[in-house]
Amino acid sequence: MIVTEALALFQAVNANVGEKERVGSIASGAMLMVSGLQRRTFMGYLGAAVGLYLFIRGLTGYCIGYNGLGIDKCSGDPDSASSA
């Protein structure tokens, strides 16, 4: 429930990522950020940057890649994609 409420607070106007995918992005992004920062190497910081992107993607529900491809997974149909 807490995750669902948190996701609702950060719902973007142009959200295009589904709820389950958002939860996965938040979890994997947080893990990548922590493990990357613990490494203290260039590759670790690069992993942390990718983790930050995934974390923000999960919070906002917006993916720039999906936007470019015309994909919208918020409509309820997992295979839905708007025509570009």
C-alpha atoms as a PDB file:
ATOM      1  CA  MET A   1       0.000   0.000   0.000  1.00  0.00           C
ATOM      2  CA  ILE A   2       2.740   2.464   0.888  1.00  0.00           C
ATOM      3  CA  VAL A   3       4.471   1.976  -2.474  1.00  0.00           C
ATOM      4  CA  THR A   4       1.207   2.451  -4.353  1.00  0.00           C
ATOM      5  CA  GLU A   5       0.485   5.665  -2.459  1.00  0.00           C
ATOM      6  CA  ALA A   6       4.026   6.939  -3.062  1.00  0.00           C
ATOM      7  CA  LEU A   7       3.733   6.199  -6.781  1.00  0.00           C
ATOM      8  CA  ALA A   8       0.444   8.090  -6.900  1.00  0.00           C
ATOM      9  CA  LEU A   9       2.120  11.139  -5.346  1.00  0.00           C
ATOM     10  CA  PHE A  10       4.774  11.191  -8.059  1.00  0.00           C
ATOM     11  CA  GLN A  11       2.420  10.471 -10.967  1.00  0.00           C
ATOM     12  CA  ALA A  12       3.697  12.406 -13.977  1.00  0.00           C
ATOM     13  CA  VAL A  13       1.359  14.186 -16.361  1.00  0.00           C
ATOM     14  CA  ASN A  14       2.790  12.164 -19.269  1.00  0.00           C
ATOM     15  CA  ALA A  15       3.361   8.894 -17.383  1.00  0.00           C
ATOM     16  CA  ASN A  16       3.985   5.993 -19.735  1.00  0.00           C
ATOM     17  CA  VAL A  17       5.392   3.271 -17.429  1.00  0.00           C
ATOM     18  CA  GLY A  18       3.118   0.689 -15.789  1.00  0.00           C
ATOM     19  CA  GLU A  19       2.838   0.308 -12.012  1.00  0.00           C
ATOM     20  CA  LYS A  20       4.696  -3.020 -11.708  1.00  0.00           C
ATOM     21  CA  GLU A  21       7.480  -1.720 -13.915  1.00  0.00           C
ATOM     22  CA  ARG A  22       7.719   1.418 -11.788  1.00  0.00           C
ATOM     23  CA  VAL A  23       8.143  -0.626  -8.607  1.00  0.00           C
ATOM     24  CA  GLY A  24      10.836  -2.710 -10.317  1.00  0.00           C
ATOM     25  CA  SER A  25      12.615   0.422 -11.529  1.00  0.00           C
ATOM     26  CA  ILE A  26      12.620   1.935  -8.045  1.00  0.00           C
ATOM     27  CA  ALA A  27      13.984  -1.246  -6.445  1.00  0.00           C
ATOM     28  CA  SER A  28      16.638  -1.982  -9.059  1.00  0.00           C
ATOM     29  CA  GLY A  29      17.627   1.677  -9.284  1.00  0.00           C
ATOM     30  CA  ALA A  30      18.134   1.903  -5.530  1.00  0.00           C
ATOM     31  CA  MET A  31      20.248  -1.266  -5.522  1.00  0.00           C
ATOM     32  CA  LEU A  32      22.387  -0.022  -8.426  1.00  0.00           C
ATOM     33  CA  MET A  33      22.942   3.343  -6.758  1.00  0.00           C
ATOM     34  CA  VAL A  34      24.017   1.810  -3.450  1.00  0.00           C
ATOM     35  CA  SER A  35      26.289  -0.835  -4.958  1.00  0.00           C
ATOM     36  CA  GLY A  36      27.783   1.621  -7.436  1.00  0.00           C
ATOM     37  CA  LEU A  37      28.600   4.210  -4.789  1.00  0.00           C
ATOM     38  CA  GLN A  38      30.152   1.569  -2.552  1.00  0.00           C
ATOM     39  CA  ARG A  39      32.604   0.579  -5.296  1.00  0.00           C
ATOM     40  CA  ARG A  40      34.093   4.078  -5.611  1.00  0.00           C
ATOM     41  CA  THR A  41      35.344   3.407  -9.144  1.00  0.00           C
ATOM     42  CA  PHE A  42      34.430   4.935 -12.487  1.00  0.00           C
ATOM     43  CA  MET A  43      32.290   1.918 -13.388  1.00  0.00           C
ATOM     44  CA  GLY A  44      30.665   2.062  -9.966  1.00  0.00           C
ATOM     45  CA  TYR A  45      29.738   5.712 -10.437  1.00  0.00           C
ATOM     46  CA  LEU A  46      28.455   4.896 -13.924  1.00  0.00           C
ATOM     47  CA  GLY A  47      26.264   2.161 -12.434  1.00  0.00           C
ATOM     48  CA  ALA A  48      25.051   4.605  -9.786  1.00  0.00           C
ATOM     49  CA  ALA A  49      24.083   7.079 -12.519  1.00  0.00           C
ATOM     50  CA  VAL A  50      22.074   4.385 -14.325  1.00  0.00           C
ATOM     51  CA  GLY A  51      20.488   3.483 -10.992  1.00  0.00           C
ATOM     52  CA  LEU A  52      19.537   7.107 -10.417  1.00  0.00           C
ATOM     53  CA  TYR A  53      17.848   7.233 -13.824  1.00  0.00           C
ATOM     54  CA  LEU A  54      15.895   4.045 -13.063  1.00  0.00           C
ATOM     55  CA  PHE A  55      14.920   5.364  -9.633  1.00  0.00           C
ATOM     56  CA  ILE A  56      13.627   8.658 -11.066  1.00  0.00           C
ATOM     57  CA  ARG A  57      11.872   6.756 -13.893  1.00  0.00           C
ATOM     58  CA  GLY A  58      10.083   4.671 -11.285  1.00  0.00           C
ATOM     59  CA  LEU A  59       9.089   7.656  -9.162  1.00  0.00           C
ATOM     60  CA  THR A  60       7.772   9.756 -12.030  1.00  0.00           C
ATOM     61  CA  GLY A  61       6.416   6.986 -14.246  1.00  0.00           C
ATOM     62  CA  TYR A  62       7.948   8.658 -17.301  1.00  0.00           C
ATOM     63  CA  CYS A  63      10.452   6.998 -19.635  1.00  0.00           C
ATOM     64  CA  ILE A  64      12.008   9.076 -22.404  1.00  0.00           C
ATOM     65  CA  GLY A  65      12.727   5.915 -24.405  1.00  0.00           C
ATOM     66  CA  TYR A  66       9.094   4.827 -24.278  1.00  0.00           C
ATOM     67  CA  ASN A  67       8.060   8.320 -25.298  1.00  0.00           C
ATOM     68  CA  GLY A  68      10.331   8.220 -28.351  1.00  0.00           C
ATOM     69  CA  LEU A  69       8.987   4.817 -29.386  1.00  0.00           C
ATOM     70  CA  GLY A  70       5.357   5.754 -28.726  1.00  0.00           C
ATOM     71  CA  ILE A  71       4.898   3.123 -26.007  1.00  0.00           C
ATOM     72  CA  ASP A  72       2.394   3.690 -23.199  1.00  0.00           C
ATOM     73  CA  LYS A  73       2.078   0.971 -20.559  1.00  0.00           C
ATOM     74  CA  CYS A  74      -0.237   2.950 -18.264  1.00  0.00           C
ATOM     75  CA  SER A  75      -3.427   2.226 -20.169  1.00  0.00           C
ATOM     76  CA  GLY A  76      -3.909  -1.185 -18.532  1.00  0.00           C
ATOM     77  CA  ASP A  77      -3.134  -3.249 -21.632  1.00  0.00           C
ATOM     78  CA  PRO A  78       0.453  -4.560 -21.275  1.00  0.00           C
ATOM     79  CA  ASP A  79       0.906  -4.760 -25.053  1.00  0.00           C
ATOM     80  CA  SER A  80      -0.531  -1.354 -25.831  1.00  0.00           C
ATOM     81  CA  ALA A  81       1.480   1.098 -27.871  1.00  0.00           C
ATOM     82  CA  SER A  82       0.111   4.250 -29.377  1.00  0.00           C
ATOM     83  CA  SER A  83       0.764   4.721 -33.063  1.00  0.00           C
ATOM     84  CA  ALA A  84       3.575   7.123 -33.795  1.00  0.00           C
END
